Amino acid sequence: MCSRRQTSATMVNMPKERRTFCKGKKCQKHTVHKITQYKAGKASKYAQGARRYNDKQKGFGGQTKPVFHKKAKTTKKITLRMECKECKTKKQLPMKRTKHFELGEKKKSAGHQY
């Protein structure tokens, strides 16, 4: 039996801009895109699942649904959010798993700079 472990890079450094294809109706060509890291928005308390859960939790009886404890992953997949500088069309690009992610940071030099 062969065990395959996916190794995650310890440090990923991405430029703040990237030339890539734009799918926007105006462009349809390679343009410069501004790169940011995707961040999930705040969960709505009016979503059907949240409403059902909150109604179920009311009153006596303690915790009504199982609380998840068996966490397996130590990292999350990085998602890049690219915005075309010409037509402002946005697209998302998933990347590999990594513990540390930087946008446009300069590499640290080994020796002293005088």
PDB file of N, CA and C in Angstrom:
ATOM      1  N   MET A   1       0.840  -1.184   0.000  1.00  0.00           N
ATOM      2  CA  MET A   1       0.000   0.000   0.000  1.00  0.00           C
ATOM      3  C   MET A   1       0.882   1.242   0.000  1.00  0.00           C
ATOM      4  N   CYS A   2       0.651   2.111  -0.918  1.00  0.00           N
ATOM      5  CA  CYS A   2       1.457   3.315  -1.064  1.00  0.00           C
ATOM      6  C   CYS A   2       0.723   4.493  -0.419  1.00  0.00           C
ATOM      7  N   SER A   3       1.370   5.138   0.547  1.00  0.00           N
ATOM      8  CA  SER A   3       0.725   6.287   1.188  1.00  0.00           C
ATOM      9  C   SER A   3       1.236   7.563   0.530  1.00  0.00           C
ATOM     10  N   ARG A   4       0.301   8.379   0.082  1.00  0.00           N
ATOM     11  CA  ARG A   4       0.666   9.642  -0.563  1.00  0.00           C
ATOM     12  C   ARG A   4       0.265  10.787   0.347  1.00  0.00           C
ATOM     13  N   ARG A   5       1.245  11.590   0.700  1.00  0.00           N
ATOM     14  CA  ARG A   5       0.970  12.766   1.506  1.00  0.00           C
ATOM     15  C   ARG A   5       1.190  13.991   0.656  1.00  0.00           C
ATOM     16  N   GLN A   6       0.237  14.884   0.693  1.00  0.00           N
ATOM     17  CA  GLN A   6       0.392  16.112  -0.074  1.00  0.00           C
ATOM     18  C   GLN A   6       1.203  17.081   0.768  1.00  0.00           C
ATOM     19  N   THR A   7       2.358  17.484   0.255  1.00  0.00           N
ATOM     20  CA  THR A   7       3.194  18.405   1.003  1.00  0.00           C
ATOM     21  C   THR A   7       2.773  19.824   0.684  1.00  0.00           C
ATOM     22  N   SER A   8       2.638  20.616   1.723  1.00  0.00           N
ATOM     23  CA  SER A   8       2.273  22.008   1.512  1.00  0.00           C
ATOM     24  C   SER A   8       3.531  22.859   1.636  1.00  0.00           C
ATOM     25  N   ALA A   9       3.627  23.858   0.790  1.00  0.00           N
ATOM     26  CA  ALA A   9       4.770  24.750   0.840  1.00  0.00           C
ATOM     27  C   ALA A   9       4.691  25.571   2.123  1.00  0.00           C
ATOM     28  N   THR A  10       5.847  25.835   2.725  1.00  0.00           N
ATOM     29  CA  THR A  10       5.829  26.583   3.973  1.00  0.00           C
ATOM     30  C   THR A  10       5.613  28.071   3.725  1.00  0.00           C
ATOM     31  N   MET A  11       6.076  28.574   2.580  1.00  0.00           N
ATOM     32  CA  MET A  11       5.950  30.005   2.312  1.00  0.00           C
ATOM     33  C   MET A  11       5.670  30.232   0.832  1.00  0.00           C
ATOM     34  N   VAL A  12       4.618  30.966   0.520  1.00  0.00           N
ATOM     35  CA  VAL A  12       4.301  31.311  -0.864  1.00  0.00           C
ATOM     36  C   VAL A  12       4.273  32.827  -0.970  1.00  0.00           C
ATOM     37  N   ASN A  13       5.021  33.360  -1.918  1.00  0.00           N
ATOM     38  CA  ASN A  13       5.108  34.798  -2.125  1.00  0.00           C
ATOM     39  C   ASN A  13       4.580  35.112  -3.524  1.00  0.00           C
ATOM     40  N   MET A  14       3.487  35.877  -3.611  1.00  0.00           N
ATOM     41  CA  MET A  14       2.866  36.198  -4.896  1.00  0.00           C
ATOM     42  C   MET A  14       3.031  37.679  -5.204  1.00  0.00           C
ATOM     43  N   PRO A  15       3.200  38.032  -6.482  1.00  0.00           N
ATOM     44  CA  PRO A  15       3.226  39.451  -6.844  1.00  0.00           C
ATOM     45  C   PRO A  15       1.835  40.060  -6.721  1.00  0.00           C
ATOM     46  N   LYS A  16       1.769  41.383  -6.555  1.00  0.00           N
ATOM     47  CA  LYS A  16       0.476  42.061  -6.400  1.00  0.00           C
ATOM     48  C   LYS A  16      -0.235  42.250  -7.732  1.00  0.00           C
ATOM     49  N   GLU A  17       0.494  42.087  -8.833  1.00  0.00           N
ATOM     50  CA  GLU A  17      -0.102  42.212 -10.167  1.00  0.00           C
ATOM     51  C   GLU A  17       0.320  41.016 -11.011  1.00  0.00           C
ATOM     52  N   ARG A  18      -0.563  40.659 -11.967  1.00  0.00           N
ATOM     53  CA  ARG A  18      -0.265  39.519 -12.836  1.00  0.00           C
ATOM     54  C   ARG A  18      -0.940  39.729 -14.180  1.00  0.00           C
ATOM     55  N   ARG A  19      -0.200  39.408 -15.250  1.00  0.00           N
ATOM     56  CA  ARG A  19      -0.775  39.484 -16.593  1.00  0.00           C
ATOM     57  C   ARG A  19      -1.429  38.155 -16.907  1.00  0.00           C
ATOM     58  N   THR A  20      -2.749  38.157 -17.088  1.00  0.00           N
ATOM     59  CA  THR A  20      -3.474  36.926 -17.365  1.00  0.00           C
ATOM     60  C   THR A  20      -4.707  37.239 -18.202  1.00  0.00           C
ATOM     61  N   PHE A  21      -5.352  36.192 -18.729  1.00  0.00           N
ATOM     62  CA  PHE A  21      -6.486  36.379 -19.632  1.00  0.00           C
ATOM     63  C   PHE A  21      -7.702  36.900 -18.880  1.00  0.00           C
ATOM     64  N   CYS A  22      -8.365  37.900 -19.459  1.00  0.00           N
ATOM     65  CA  CYS A  22      -9.585  38.471 -18.882  1.00  0.00           C
ATOM     66  C   CYS A  22     -10.785  37.968 -19.677  1.00  0.00           C
ATOM     67  N   LYS A  23     -11.768  37.378 -18.971  1.00  0.00           N
ATOM     68  CA  LYS A  23     -12.950  36.829 -19.628  1.00  0.00           C
ATOM     69  C   LYS A  23     -14.064  37.860 -19.767  1.00  0.00           C
ATOM     70  N   GLY A  24     -13.821  39.092 -19.347  1.00  0.00           N
ATOM     71  CA  GLY A  24     -14.850  40.134 -19.411  1.00  0.00           C
ATOM     72  C   GLY A  24     -15.308  40.400 -20.836  1.00  0.00           C
ATOM     73  N   LYS A  25     -16.545  40.878 -20.979  1.00  0.00           N
ATOM     74  CA  LYS A  25     -17.115  41.109 -22.312  1.00  0.00           C
ATOM     75  C   LYS A  25     -16.345  42.180 -23.077  1.00  0.00           C
ATOM     76  N   LYS A  26     -15.787  43.154 -22.356  1.00  0.00           N
ATOM     77  CA  LYS A  26     -15.045  44.233 -23.018  1.00  0.00           C
ATOM     78  C   LYS A  26     -13.648  43.792 -23.444  1.00  0.00           C
ATOM     79  N   CYS A  27     -12.983  43.012 -22.604  1.00  0.00           N
ATOM     80  CA  CYS A  27     -11.569  42.690 -22.851  1.00  0.00           C
ATOM     81  C   CYS A  27     -11.373  41.497 -23.786  1.00  0.00           C
ATOM     82  N   GLN A  28     -11.595  40.297 -23.310  1.00  0.00           N
ATOM     83  CA  GLN A  28     -11.348  39.052 -24.051  1.00  0.00           C
ATOM     84  C   GLN A  28      -9.890  38.973 -24.530  1.00  0.00           C
ATOM     85  N   LYS A  29      -8.954  39.376 -23.658  1.00  0.00           N
ATOM     86  CA  LYS A  29      -7.529  39.348 -24.007  1.00  0.00           C
ATOM     87  C   LYS A  29      -6.705  39.322 -22.712  1.00  0.00           C
ATOM     88  N   HIS A  30      -5.401  39.172 -22.845  1.00  0.00           N
ATOM     89  CA  HIS A  30      -4.514  39.203 -21.688  1.00  0.00           C
ATOM     90  C   HIS A  30      -4.343  40.643 -21.212  1.00  0.00           C
ATOM     91  N   THR A  31      -4.628  40.877 -19.939  1.00  0.00           N
ATOM     92  CA  THR A  31      -4.466  42.202 -19.341  1.00  0.00           C
ATOM     93  C   THR A  31      -3.830  42.052 -17.963  1.00  0.00           C
ATOM     94  N   VAL A  32      -3.446  43.175 -17.371  1.00  0.00           N
ATOM     95  CA  VAL A  32      -2.882  43.175 -16.022  1.00  0.00           C
ATOM     96  C   VAL A  32      -4.028  43.074 -15.017  1.00  0.00           C
ATOM     97  N   HIS A  33      -3.888  42.160 -14.054  1.00  0.00           N
ATOM     98  CA  HIS A  33      -4.894  41.974 -13.010  1.00  0.00           C
ATOM     99  C   HIS A  33      -4.282  42.308 -11.649  1.00  0.00           C
ATOM    100  N   LYS A  34      -5.072  42.953 -10.799  1.00  0.00           N
ATOM    101  CA  LYS A  34      -4.664  43.222  -9.425  1.00  0.00           C
ATOM    102  C   LYS A  34      -5.045  42.003  -8.585  1.00  0.00           C
ATOM    103  N   ILE A  35      -4.106  41.499  -7.780  1.00  0.00           N
ATOM    104  CA  ILE A  35      -4.343  40.281  -7.004  1.00  0.00           C
ATOM    105  C   ILE A  35      -4.551  40.621  -5.535  1.00  0.00           C
ATOM    106  N   THR A  36      -5.627  40.061  -4.953  1.00  0.00           N
ATOM    107  CA  THR A  36      -5.860  40.130  -3.515  1.00  0.00           C
ATOM    108  C   THR A  36      -6.210  38.729  -3.037  1.00  0.00           C
ATOM    109  N   GLN A  37      -6.160  38.524  -1.730  1.00  0.00           N
ATOM    110  CA  GLN A  37      -6.511  37.218  -1.176  1.00  0.00           C
ATOM    111  C   GLN A  37      -7.995  37.211  -0.837  1.00  0.00           C
ATOM    112  N   TYR A  38      -8.698  36.150  -1.263  1.00  0.00           N
ATOM    113  CA  TYR A  38     -10.132  36.020  -1.004  1.00  0.00           C
ATOM    114  C   TYR A  38     -10.371  35.814   0.481  1.00  0.00           C
ATOM    115  N   LYS A  39     -11.381  36.489   0.989  1.00  0.00           N
ATOM    116  CA  LYS A  39     -11.767  36.320   2.386  1.00  0.00           C
ATOM    117  C   LYS A  39     -13.268  36.115   2.423  1.00  0.00           C
ATOM    118  N   ALA A  40     -13.717  35.084   3.145  1.00  0.00           N
ATOM    119  CA  ALA A  40     -15.147  34.782   3.211  1.00  0.00           C
ATOM    120  C   ALA A  40     -15.879  35.889   3.953  1.00  0.00           C
ATOM    121  N   GLY A  41     -17.080  36.204   3.478  1.00  0.00           N
ATOM    122  CA  GLY A  41     -17.886  37.231   4.121  1.00  0.00           C
ATOM    123  C   GLY A  41     -18.523  36.713   5.394  1.00  0.00           C
ATOM    124  N   LYS A  42     -19.132  37.627   6.134  1.00  0.00           N
ATOM    125  CA  LYS A  42     -19.800  37.266   7.382  1.00  0.00           C
ATOM    126  C   LYS A  42     -21.046  36.449   7.067  1.00  0.00           C
ATOM    127  N   ALA A  43     -21.253  35.354   7.812  1.00  0.00           N
ATOM    128  CA  ALA A  43     -22.409  34.487   7.577  1.00  0.00           C
ATOM    129  C   ALA A  43     -23.693  35.220   7.954  1.00  0.00           C
ATOM    130  N   SER A  44     -24.708  35.078   7.115  1.00  0.00           N
ATOM    131  CA  SER A  44     -25.986  35.743   7.366  1.00  0.00           C
ATOM    132  C   SER A  44     -26.779  34.971   8.409  1.00  0.00           C
ATOM    133  N   LYS A  45     -27.351  35.695   9.364  1.00  0.00           N
ATOM    134  CA  LYS A  45     -28.164  35.019  10.383  1.00  0.00           C
ATOM    135  C   LYS A  45     -29.565  34.722   9.868  1.00  0.00           C
ATOM    136  N   TYR A  46     -29.867  35.171   8.643  1.00  0.00           N
ATOM    137  CA  TYR A  46     -31.191  34.939   8.060  1.00  0.00           C
ATOM    138  C   TYR A  46     -31.195  33.780   7.063  1.00  0.00           C
ATOM    139  N   ALA A  47     -30.053  33.104   6.879  1.00  0.00           N
ATOM    140  CA  ALA A  47     -30.003  31.936   5.993  1.00  0.00           C
ATOM    141  C   ALA A  47     -30.864  30.826   6.594  1.00  0.00           C
ATOM    142  N   GLN A  48     -31.419  29.973   5.733  1.00  0.00           N
ATOM    143  CA  GLN A  48     -32.365  28.942   6.189  1.00  0.00           C
ATOM    144  C   GLN A  48     -31.754  28.034   7.255  1.00  0.00           C
ATOM    145  N   GLY A  49     -30.519  27.599   7.045  1.00  0.00           N
ATOM    146  CA  GLY A  49     -29.878  26.706   8.006  1.00  0.00           C
ATOM    147  C   GLY A  49     -29.657  27.368   9.356  1.00  0.00           C
ATOM    148  N   ALA A  50     -29.244  28.634   9.345  1.00  0.00           N
ATOM    149  CA  ALA A  50     -29.009  29.364  10.592  1.00  0.00           C
ATOM    150  C   ALA A  50     -30.316  29.580  11.347  1.00  0.00           C
ATOM    151  N   ARG A  51     -31.391  29.898  10.617  1.00  0.00           N
ATOM    152  CA  ARG A  51     -32.701  30.091  11.258  1.00  0.00           C
ATOM    153  C   ARG A  51     -33.185  28.790  11.898  1.00  0.00           C
ATOM    154  N   ARG A  52     -33.038  27.684  11.163  1.00  0.00           N
ATOM    155  CA  ARG A  52     -33.482  26.388  11.674  1.00  0.00           C
ATOM    156  C   ARG A  52     -32.683  26.003  12.920  1.00  0.00           C
ATOM    157  N   TYR A  53     -31.375  26.206  12.866  1.00  0.00           N
ATOM    158  CA  TYR A  53     -30.497  25.857  13.991  1.00  0.00           C
ATOM    159  C   TYR A  53     -30.842  26.689  15.224  1.00  0.00           C
ATOM    160  N   ASN A  54     -31.027  28.004  15.039  1.00  0.00           N
ATOM    161  CA  ASN A  54     -31.334  28.889  16.167  1.00  0.00           C
ATOM    162  C   ASN A  54     -32.682  28.553  16.790  1.00  0.00           C
ATOM    163  N   ASP A  55     -33.675  28.211  15.951  1.00  0.00           N
ATOM    164  CA  ASP A  55     -34.983  27.820  16.474  1.00  0.00           C
ATOM    165  C   ASP A  55     -34.869  26.519  17.275  1.00  0.00           C
ATOM    166  N   LYS A  56     -34.049  25.599  16.791  1.00  0.00           N
ATOM    167  CA  LYS A  56     -33.888  24.307  17.444  1.00  0.00           C
ATOM    168  C   LYS A  56     -33.161  24.449  18.785  1.00  0.00           C
ATOM    169  N   GLN A  57     -32.253  25.413  18.873  1.00  0.00           N
ATOM    170  CA  GLN A  57     -31.452  25.608  20.080  1.00  0.00           C
ATOM    171  C   GLN A  57     -32.256  26.247  21.215  1.00  0.00           C
ATOM    172  N   LYS A  58     -33.370  26.907  20.891  1.00  0.00           N
ATOM    173  CA  LYS A  58     -34.164  27.618  21.905  1.00  0.00           C
ATOM    174  C   LYS A  58     -34.730  26.651  22.943  1.00  0.00           C
ATOM    175  N   GLY A  59     -34.940  27.153  24.149  1.00  0.00           N
ATOM    176  CA  GLY A  59     -35.605  26.368  25.185  1.00  0.00           C
ATOM    177  C   GLY A  59     -34.666  25.424  25.920  1.00  0.00           C
ATOM    178  N   PHE A  60     -35.250  24.405  26.550  1.00  0.00           N
ATOM    179  CA  PHE A  60     -34.480  23.445  27.335  1.00  0.00           C
ATOM    180  C   PHE A  60     -33.944  22.339  26.428  1.00  0.00           C
ATOM    181  N   GLY A  61     -32.916  21.639  26.913  1.00  0.00           N
ATOM    182  CA  GLY A  61     -32.455  20.464  26.183  1.00  0.00           C
ATOM    183  C   GLY A  61     -31.006  20.510  25.744  1.00  0.00           C
ATOM    184  N   GLY A  62     -30.304  21.603  25.982  1.00  0.00           N
ATOM    185  CA  GLY A  62     -28.877  21.658  25.677  1.00  0.00           C
ATOM    186  C   GLY A  62     -28.575  21.698  24.187  1.00  0.00           C
ATOM    187  N   GLN A  63     -27.385  21.224  23.828  1.00  0.00           N
ATOM    188  CA  GLN A  63     -26.927  21.239  22.438  1.00  0.00           C
ATOM    189  C   GLN A  63     -27.716  20.217  21.623  1.00  0.00           C
ATOM    190  N   THR A  64     -28.301  20.657  20.496  1.00  0.00           N
ATOM    191  CA  THR A  64     -29.198  19.789  19.737  1.00  0.00           C
ATOM    192  C   THR A  64     -28.533  19.119  18.544  1.00  0.00           C
ATOM    193  N   LYS A  65     -27.410  19.674  18.090  1.00  0.00           N
ATOM    194  CA  LYS A  65     -26.715  19.084  16.940  1.00  0.00           C
ATOM    195  C   LYS A  65     -25.276  18.780  17.346  1.00  0.00           C
ATOM    196  N   PRO A  66     -24.643  17.786  16.710  1.00  0.00           N
ATOM    197  CA  PRO A  66     -23.276  17.446  17.110  1.00  0.00           C
ATOM    198  C   PRO A  66     -22.288  18.572  16.802  1.00  0.00           C
ATOM    199  N   VAL A  67     -21.359  18.808  17.744  1.00  0.00           N
ATOM    200  CA  VAL A  67     -20.301  19.795  17.554  1.00  0.00           C
ATOM    201  C   VAL A  67     -19.114  19.066  16.946  1.00  0.00           C
ATOM    202  N   PHE A  68     -18.600  19.563  15.816  1.00  0.00           N
ATOM    203  CA  PHE A  68     -17.533  18.887  15.067  1.00  0.00           C
ATOM    204  C   PHE A  68     -16.192  19.046  15.787  1.00  0.00           C
ATOM    205  N   HIS A  69     -15.517  17.921  16.064  1.00  0.00           N
ATOM    206  CA  HIS A  69     -14.229  17.949  16.757  1.00  0.00           C
ATOM    207  C   HIS A  69     -13.099  17.307  15.961  1.00  0.00           C
ATOM    208  N   LYS A  70     -13.411  16.463  14.984  1.00  0.00           N
ATOM    209  CA  LYS A  70     -12.378  15.684  14.286  1.00  0.00           C
ATOM    210  C   LYS A  70     -11.738  16.475  13.151  1.00  0.00           C
ATOM    211  N   LYS A  71     -11.072  17.573  13.487  1.00  0.00           N
ATOM    212  CA  LYS A  71     -10.435  18.410  12.476  1.00  0.00           C
ATOM    213  C   LYS A  71      -9.192  17.695  11.948  1.00  0.00           C
ATOM    214  N   ALA A  72      -9.080  17.596  10.627  1.00  0.00           N
ATOM    215  CA  ALA A  72      -7.983  16.840  10.030  1.00  0.00           C
ATOM    216  C   ALA A  72      -6.938  17.736   9.367  1.00  0.00           C
ATOM    217  N   LYS A  73      -7.343  18.835   8.782  1.00  0.00           N
ATOM    218  CA  LYS A  73      -6.427  19.683   8.014  1.00  0.00           C
ATOM    219  C   LYS A  73      -5.749  20.723   8.915  1.00  0.00           C
ATOM    220  N   THR A  74      -4.478  21.011   8.582  1.00  0.00           N
ATOM    221  CA  THR A  74      -3.740  22.031   9.324  1.00  0.00           C
ATOM    222  C   THR A  74      -3.619  23.322   8.520  1.00  0.00           C
ATOM    223  N   THR A  75      -3.985  23.269   7.233  1.00  0.00           N
ATOM    224  CA  THR A  75      -3.887  24.455   6.377  1.00  0.00           C
ATOM    225  C   THR A  75      -5.178  24.624   5.596  1.00  0.00           C
ATOM    226  N   LYS A  76      -5.335  25.809   4.993  1.00  0.00           N
ATOM    227  CA  LYS A  76      -6.471  26.046   4.107  1.00  0.00           C
ATOM    228  C   LYS A  76      -5.931  26.342   2.716  1.00  0.00           C
ATOM    229  N   LYS A  77      -6.757  26.064   1.710  1.00  0.00           N
ATOM    230  CA  LYS A  77      -6.350  26.389   0.345  1.00  0.00           C
ATOM    231  C   LYS A  77      -6.472  27.898   0.156  1.00  0.00           C
ATOM    232  N   ILE A  78      -5.466  28.481  -0.478  1.00  0.00           N
ATOM    233  CA  ILE A  78      -5.470  29.915  -0.746  1.00  0.00           C
ATOM    234  C   ILE A  78      -6.273  30.161  -2.014  1.00  0.00           C
ATOM    235  N   THR A  79      -7.150  31.159  -1.982  1.00  0.00           N
ATOM    236  CA  THR A  79      -7.900  31.556  -3.171  1.00  0.00           C
ATOM    237  C   THR A  79      -7.503  32.982  -3.527  1.00  0.00           C
ATOM    238  N   LEU A  80      -7.050  33.166  -4.766  1.00  0.00           N
ATOM    239  CA  LEU A  80      -6.676  34.497  -5.241  1.00  0.00           C
ATOM    240  C   LEU A  80      -7.877  35.155  -5.899  1.00  0.00           C
ATOM    241  N   ARG A  81      -8.065  36.444  -5.643  1.00  0.00           N
ATOM    242  CA  ARG A  81      -9.135  37.210  -6.273  1.00  0.00           C
ATOM    243  C   ARG A  81      -8.460  38.191  -7.223  1.00  0.00           C
ATOM    244  N   MET A  82      -8.711  38.021  -8.513  1.00  0.00           N
ATOM    245  CA  MET A  82      -8.062  38.862  -9.523  1.00  0.00           C
ATOM    246  C   MET A  82      -9.051  39.846 -10.113  1.00  0.00           C
ATOM    247  N   GLU A  83      -8.634  41.104 -10.194  1.00  0.00           N
ATOM    248  CA  GLU A  83      -9.488  42.146 -10.764  1.00  0.00           C
ATOM    249  C   GLU A  83      -8.766  42.778 -11.943  1.00  0.00           C
ATOM    250  N   CYS A  84      -9.417  42.753 -13.104  1.00  0.00           N
ATOM    251  CA  CYS A  84      -8.847  43.338 -14.319  1.00  0.00           C
ATOM    252  C   CYS A  84      -8.748  44.848 -14.137  1.00  0.00           C
ATOM    253  N   LYS A  85      -7.599  45.413 -14.478  1.00  0.00           N
ATOM    254  CA  LYS A  85      -7.407  46.853 -14.303  1.00  0.00           C
ATOM    255  C   LYS A  85      -8.133  47.665 -15.369  1.00  0.00           C
ATOM    256  N   GLU A  86      -8.487  47.024 -16.483  1.00  0.00           N
ATOM    257  CA  GLU A  86      -9.171  47.749 -17.559  1.00  0.00           C
ATOM    258  C   GLU A  86     -10.684  47.758 -17.380  1.00  0.00           C
ATOM    259  N   CYS A  87     -11.281  46.563 -17.209  1.00  0.00           N
ATOM    260  CA  CYS A  87     -12.749  46.496 -17.161  1.00  0.00           C
ATOM    261  C   CYS A  87     -13.292  46.154 -15.771  1.00  0.00           C
ATOM    262  N   LYS A  88     -12.417  45.989 -14.765  1.00  0.00           N
ATOM    263  CA  LYS A  88     -12.804  45.716 -13.373  1.00  0.00           C
ATOM    264  C   LYS A  88     -13.526  44.379 -13.182  1.00  0.00           C
ATOM    265  N   THR A  89     -13.441  43.466 -14.168  1.00  0.00           N
ATOM    266  CA  THR A  89     -14.041  42.142 -14.013  1.00  0.00           C
ATOM    267  C   THR A  89     -13.212  41.353 -13.004  1.00  0.00           C
ATOM    268  N   LYS A  90     -13.900  40.622 -12.116  1.00  0.00           N
ATOM    269  CA  LYS A  90     -13.206  39.872 -11.077  1.00  0.00           C
ATOM    270  C   LYS A  90     -13.330  38.377 -11.330  1.00  0.00           C
ATOM    271  N   LYS A  91     -12.257  37.640 -11.031  1.00  0.00           N
ATOM    272  CA  LYS A  91     -12.315  36.177 -11.093  1.00  0.00           C
ATOM    273  C   LYS A  91     -11.500  35.618  -9.943  1.00  0.00           C
ATOM    274  N   GLN A  92     -11.799  34.366  -9.576  1.00  0.00           N
ATOM    275  CA  GLN A  92     -11.103  33.737  -8.468  1.00  0.00           C
ATOM    276  C   GLN A  92     -10.318  32.536  -8.956  1.00  0.00           C
ATOM    277  N   LEU A  93      -9.152  32.316  -8.340  1.00  0.00           N
ATOM    278  CA  LEU A  93      -8.263  31.230  -8.737  1.00  0.00           C
ATOM    279  C   LEU A  93      -7.785  30.495  -7.485  1.00  0.00           C
ATOM    280  N   PRO A  94      -8.194  29.224  -7.304  1.00  0.00           N
ATOM    281  CA  PRO A  94      -7.720  28.487  -6.131  1.00  0.00           C
ATOM    282  C   PRO A  94      -6.263  28.070  -6.292  1.00  0.00           C
ATOM    283  N   MET A  95      -5.521  28.106  -5.188  1.00  0.00           N
ATOM    284  CA  MET A  95      -4.114  27.717  -5.187  1.00  0.00           C
ATOM    285  C   MET A  95      -3.905  26.529  -4.264  1.00  0.00           C
ATOM    286  N   LYS A  96      -2.650  26.106  -4.141  1.00  0.00           N
ATOM    287  CA  LYS A  96      -2.333  24.972  -3.269  1.00  0.00           C
ATOM    288  C   LYS A  96      -2.420  25.376  -1.793  1.00  0.00           C
ATOM    289  N   ARG A  97      -2.352  24.380  -0.942  1.00  0.00           N
ATOM    290  CA  ARG A  97      -2.374  24.618   0.496  1.00  0.00           C
ATOM    291  C   ARG A  97      -1.028  25.185   0.942  1.00  0.00           C
ATOM    292  N   THR A  98      -1.070  26.116   1.867  1.00  0.00           N
ATOM    293  CA  THR A  98       0.160  26.666   2.410  1.00  0.00           C
ATOM    294  C   THR A  98      -0.104  27.226   3.798  1.00  0.00           C
ATOM    295  N   LYS A  99       0.926  27.191   4.637  1.00  0.00           N
ATOM    296  CA  LYS A  99       0.780  27.725   5.993  1.00  0.00           C
ATOM    297  C   LYS A  99       0.958  29.239   6.004  1.00  0.00           C
ATOM    298  N   HIS A 100       1.890  29.747   5.181  1.00  0.00           N
ATOM    299  CA  HIS A 100       2.147  31.188   5.148  1.00  0.00           C
ATOM    300  C   HIS A 100       2.005  31.693   3.719  1.00  0.00           C
ATOM    301  N   PHE A 101       1.283  32.792   3.562  1.00  0.00           N
ATOM    302  CA  PHE A 101       1.038  33.367   2.238  1.00  0.00           C
ATOM    303  C   PHE A 101       1.291  34.865   2.305  1.00  0.00           C
ATOM    304  N   GLU A 102       2.080  35.383   1.336  1.00  0.00           N
ATOM    305  CA  GLU A 102       2.376  36.816   1.286  1.00  0.00           C
ATOM    306  C   GLU A 102       2.082  37.346  -0.097  1.00  0.00           C
ATOM    307  N   LEU A 103       1.645  38.587  -0.149  1.00  0.00           N
ATOM    308  CA  LEU A 103       1.401  39.270  -1.416  1.00  0.00           C
ATOM    309  C   LEU A 103       2.419  40.383  -1.580  1.00  0.00           C
ATOM    310  N   GLY A 104       3.289  40.254  -2.574  1.00  0.00           N
ATOM    311  CA  GLY A 104       4.197  41.328  -2.944  1.00  0.00           C
ATOM    312  C   GLY A 104       5.263  41.686  -1.940  1.00  0.00           C
ATOM    313  N   GLU A 105       5.609  40.778  -1.044  1.00  0.00           N
ATOM    314  CA  GLU A 105       6.678  41.054  -0.092  1.00  0.00           C
ATOM    315  C   GLU A 105       8.025  40.820  -0.761  1.00  0.00           C
ATOM    316  N   LYS A 106       9.013  41.619  -0.368  1.00  0.00           N
ATOM    317  CA  LYS A 106      10.350  41.438  -0.924  1.00  0.00           C
ATOM    318  C   LYS A 106      11.049  40.306  -0.189  1.00  0.00           C
ATOM    319  N   LYS A 107      11.880  39.554  -0.934  1.00  0.00           N
ATOM    320  CA  LYS A 107      12.600  38.434  -0.338  1.00  0.00           C
ATOM    321  C   LYS A 107      13.674  38.961   0.605  1.00  0.00           C
ATOM    322  N   LYS A 108      13.838  38.263   1.725  1.00  0.00           N
ATOM    323  CA  LYS A 108      14.841  38.665   2.703  1.00  0.00           C
ATOM    324  C   LYS A 108      16.213  38.225   2.221  1.00  0.00           C
ATOM    325  N   SER A 109      17.182  39.146   2.253  1.00  0.00           N
ATOM    326  CA  SER A 109      18.531  38.820   1.792  1.00  0.00           C
ATOM    327  C   SER A 109      19.298  38.099   2.897  1.00  0.00           C
ATOM    328  N   ALA A 110      20.277  37.289   2.493  1.00  0.00           N
ATOM    329  CA  ALA A 110      21.042  36.484   3.443  1.00  0.00           C
ATOM    330  C   ALA A 110      22.004  37.346   4.258  1.00  0.00           C
ATOM    331  N   GLY A 111      22.715  38.279   3.583  1.00  0.00           N
ATOM    332  CA  GLY A 111      23.710  39.102   4.264  1.00  0.00           C
ATOM    333  C   GLY A 111      23.226  40.519   4.502  1.00  0.00           C
ATOM    334  N   HIS A 112      24.102  41.312   5.110  1.00  0.00           N
ATOM    335  CA  HIS A 112      23.771  42.715   5.365  1.00  0.00           C
ATOM    336  C   HIS A 112      23.943  43.540   4.099  1.00  0.00           C
ATOM    337  N   GLN A 113      23.083  44.505   3.909  1.00  0.00           N
ATOM    338  CA  GLN A 113      23.177  45.413   2.765  1.00  0.00           C
ATOM    339  C   GLN A 113      23.730  46.751   3.252  1.00  0.00           C
ATOM    340  N   TYR A 114      24.866  47.187   2.684  1.00  0.00           N
ATOM    341  CA  TYR A 114      25.455  48.467   3.073  1.00  0.00           C
ATOM    342  C   TYR A 114      25.312  49.467   1.974  1.00  0.00           C
TER     343      TYR A 114
END
